[in-house]
Amino acid sequence: MIMTSSQELPDPFDPESLNADLPHSEPLDIYAPVYAFVKTVPPGSVVTYGQVAALITEVSLTARQVGTAMKYAPPDVPWQRVVGAGGTMPVVKLSPEQFIRQKQLLTEEGVGFVGENGARVDMKTFQWQLEEQSGLEGDRGNELEEEDTKNR
């Protein structure tokens, strides 16, 4: 494509301009399957980053990438329902305020906490298990989270 001087180059930091020539009107979003899945997690339940990574089929993501998706989650996505392996809330590393907010939102949904200062979600009671999941968290989900932990 040859551009004349009267044409403007697309802004490389604007997803709208980068996708302007594509046959759809919305910007591409590789995190859409993550958000769709997280919206299915019922209030009062949690899932782990690795569990989400193992269960979504539209894209292949690691637990860490799911964490990144949650960082940019739209307002209608219940981001607070996604936690680290063992019920940790890694958001505390980035923002103590967000940790407090996540804990507050989960407490309002009836989620219980364990550990020193109640810093971890009680996963035995509140981890959501899909019927068809049958052991994925114990295998693939934890494997993904262990891999991400090693890479830190």
Protein backbone atom coordinates (compact mmCIF):
# COMPACT_ATOMS: atom_id res chain seq x y z
CA MET A 1 0.00 0.00 0.00
CA ILE A 2 1.46 3.34 -1.05
CA MET A 3 0.60 6.27 1.15
CA THR A 4 0.43 9.80 -0.13
CA SER A 5 1.49 12.75 1.97
CA SER A 6 -2.16 13.56 2.74
CA GLN A 7 -2.68 10.17 4.42
CA GLU A 8 -1.87 9.71 8.08
CA LEU A 9 0.04 6.71 9.33
CA PRO A 10 -1.85 4.62 11.88
CA ASP A 11 -0.93 5.21 15.49
CA PRO A 12 0.91 2.02 16.59
CA PHE A 13 -0.35 2.47 20.16
CA ASP A 14 -4.01 2.78 19.20
CA PRO A 15 -5.64 -0.65 18.73
CA GLU A 16 -8.54 0.95 16.86
CA SER A 17 -6.30 2.39 14.15
CA LEU A 18 -4.26 -0.80 13.84
CA ASN A 19 -7.38 -2.86 13.21
CA ALA A 20 -9.08 -0.32 10.93
CA ASP A 21 -8.54 -2.41 7.78
CA LEU A 22 -9.73 -5.66 9.33
CA PRO A 23 -13.21 -6.95 8.45
CA HIS A 24 -14.53 -6.43 11.99
CA SER A 25 -15.15 -3.25 13.91
CA GLU A 26 -13.74 -4.30 17.30
CA PRO A 27 -10.05 -4.46 18.16
CA LEU A 28 -8.55 -7.91 18.51
CA ASP A 29 -8.54 -9.17 22.07
CA ILE A 30 -6.70 -12.38 22.92
CA TYR A 31 -7.96 -12.09 26.48
CA ALA A 32 -11.66 -12.30 25.51
CA PRO A 33 -11.85 -16.07 26.23
CA VAL A 34 -10.31 -15.46 29.67
CA TYR A 35 -12.87 -12.78 30.47
CA ALA A 36 -15.74 -14.95 29.18
CA PHE A 37 -14.63 -17.84 31.40
CA VAL A 38 -14.13 -15.70 34.50
CA LYS A 39 -17.66 -14.33 34.08
CA THR A 40 -18.95 -17.90 34.57
CA VAL A 41 -17.34 -18.27 38.00
CA PRO A 42 -20.19 -17.96 40.50
CA PRO A 43 -20.12 -15.39 43.30
CA GLY A 44 -18.64 -16.90 46.45
CA SER A 45 -16.21 -19.07 44.47
CA VAL A 46 -12.70 -18.61 43.17
CA VAL A 47 -10.48 -20.16 40.48
CA THR A 48 -6.72 -20.03 40.10
CA TYR A 49 -4.79 -18.44 37.26
CA GLY A 50 -3.57 -21.91 36.28
CA GLN A 51 -7.08 -23.31 36.37
CA VAL A 52 -8.27 -20.63 33.94
CA ALA A 53 -5.27 -21.23 31.67
CA ALA A 54 -5.97 -24.97 31.63
CA LEU A 55 -9.69 -24.66 30.98
CA ILE A 56 -9.93 -22.07 28.22
CA THR A 57 -9.65 -23.67 24.80
CA GLU A 58 -9.79 -20.72 22.41
CA VAL A 59 -6.22 -19.58 23.12
CA SER A 60 -3.21 -21.13 24.81
CA LEU A 61 -2.08 -19.03 27.77
CA THR A 62 0.04 -19.56 30.86
CA ALA A 63 -1.11 -18.78 34.37
CA ARG A 64 1.03 -15.65 34.31
CA GLN A 65 -0.67 -14.47 31.10
CA VAL A 66 -4.06 -14.99 32.74
CA GLY A 67 -2.79 -12.77 35.56
CA THR A 68 -1.92 -10.10 33.02
CA ALA A 69 -5.40 -10.41 31.53
CA MET A 70 -6.91 -9.84 34.97
CA LYS A 71 -4.81 -6.71 35.36
CA TYR A 72 -6.59 -5.25 32.31
CA ALA A 73 -10.02 -6.77 32.91
CA PRO A 74 -13.01 -4.68 31.87
CA PRO A 75 -15.32 -3.49 34.67
CA ASP A 76 -17.90 -6.25 34.03
CA VAL A 77 -15.37 -9.05 34.70
CA PRO A 78 -15.21 -10.29 38.33
CA TRP A 79 -11.40 -10.18 38.46
CA GLN A 80 -11.39 -10.71 42.21
CA ARG A 81 -12.48 -14.35 41.74
CA VAL A 82 -9.14 -15.32 40.18
CA VAL A 83 -6.38 -16.03 42.69
CA GLY A 84 -2.96 -17.64 42.83
CA ALA A 85 -2.16 -21.26 43.63
CA GLY A 86 -2.94 -22.10 47.22
CA GLY A 87 -5.34 -19.16 47.49
CA THR A 88 -2.71 -16.43 47.43
CA MET A 89 -3.57 -13.01 46.07
CA PRO A 90 -0.52 -11.90 44.07
CA VAL A 91 -2.04 -8.47 43.45
CA VAL A 92 -0.53 -7.50 46.83
CA LYS A 93 2.89 -7.31 45.11
CA LEU A 94 1.64 -4.57 42.82
CA SER A 95 -0.75 -2.73 45.07
CA PRO A 96 -1.64 -3.24 48.73
CA GLU A 97 -4.78 -1.22 48.02
CA GLN A 98 -5.87 -3.68 45.31
CA PHE A 99 -5.19 -6.57 47.72
CA ILE A 100 -7.49 -4.96 50.26
CA ARG A 101 -10.09 -4.34 47.54
CA GLN A 102 -9.90 -7.96 46.30
CA LYS A 103 -10.25 -9.32 49.80
CA GLN A 104 -13.16 -6.96 50.50
CA LEU A 105 -15.00 -7.99 47.32
CA LEU A 106 -14.47 -11.69 48.03
CA THR A 107 -15.56 -11.28 51.66
CA GLU A 108 -18.75 -9.56 50.49
CA GLU A 109 -19.41 -12.63 48.30
CA GLY A 110 -18.98 -14.91 51.31
CA VAL A 111 -15.49 -16.25 50.55
CA GLY A 112 -13.49 -17.28 53.62
CA PHE A 113 -9.79 -16.85 54.31
CA VAL A 114 -7.09 -18.80 56.13
CA GLY A 115 -3.45 -18.39 57.05
CA GLU A 116 -1.55 -15.64 58.77
CA ASN A 117 -3.76 -12.53 58.89
CA GLY A 118 -6.27 -14.31 56.66
CA ALA A 119 -4.08 -13.66 53.64
CA ARG A 120 -5.12 -16.72 51.60
CA VAL A 121 -8.47 -17.90 50.28
CA ASP A 122 -9.72 -21.14 51.84
CA MET A 123 -9.37 -23.15 48.64
CA LYS A 124 -10.75 -26.40 50.07
CA THR A 125 -14.06 -24.68 50.63
CA PHE A 126 -14.25 -21.95 47.97
CA GLN A 127 -12.37 -23.17 44.88
CA TRP A 128 -14.81 -23.65 42.02
CA GLN A 129 -14.56 -27.00 40.28
CA LEU A 130 -16.30 -27.60 36.98
CA GLU A 131 -17.81 -31.07 36.64
CA GLU A 132 -15.88 -31.73 33.42
CA GLN A 133 -12.68 -30.40 35.00
CA SER A 134 -12.05 -33.73 36.80
CA GLY A 135 -8.58 -33.24 38.15
CA LEU A 136 -7.26 -30.60 35.75
CA GLU A 137 -6.36 -28.26 38.60
CA GLY A 138 -4.36 -30.98 40.27
CA ASP A 139 -2.51 -31.74 37.04
CA ARG A 140 -2.39 -29.14 34.27
CA GLY A 141 -3.48 -26.10 36.32
CA ASN A 142 -0.90 -26.54 39.06
CA GLU A 143 1.71 -27.47 36.46
CA LEU A 144 1.15 -24.13 34.71
CA GLU A 145 1.37 -22.20 37.97
CA GLU A 146 4.50 -24.06 39.07
CA GLU A 147 6.09 -23.26 35.71
CA ASP A 148 5.30 -19.56 36.14
CA THR A 149 6.60 -19.58 39.71
CA LYS A 150 9.93 -21.05 38.52
CA ASN A 151 10.23 -18.30 35.90
CA ARG A 152 9.93 -15.47 38.45
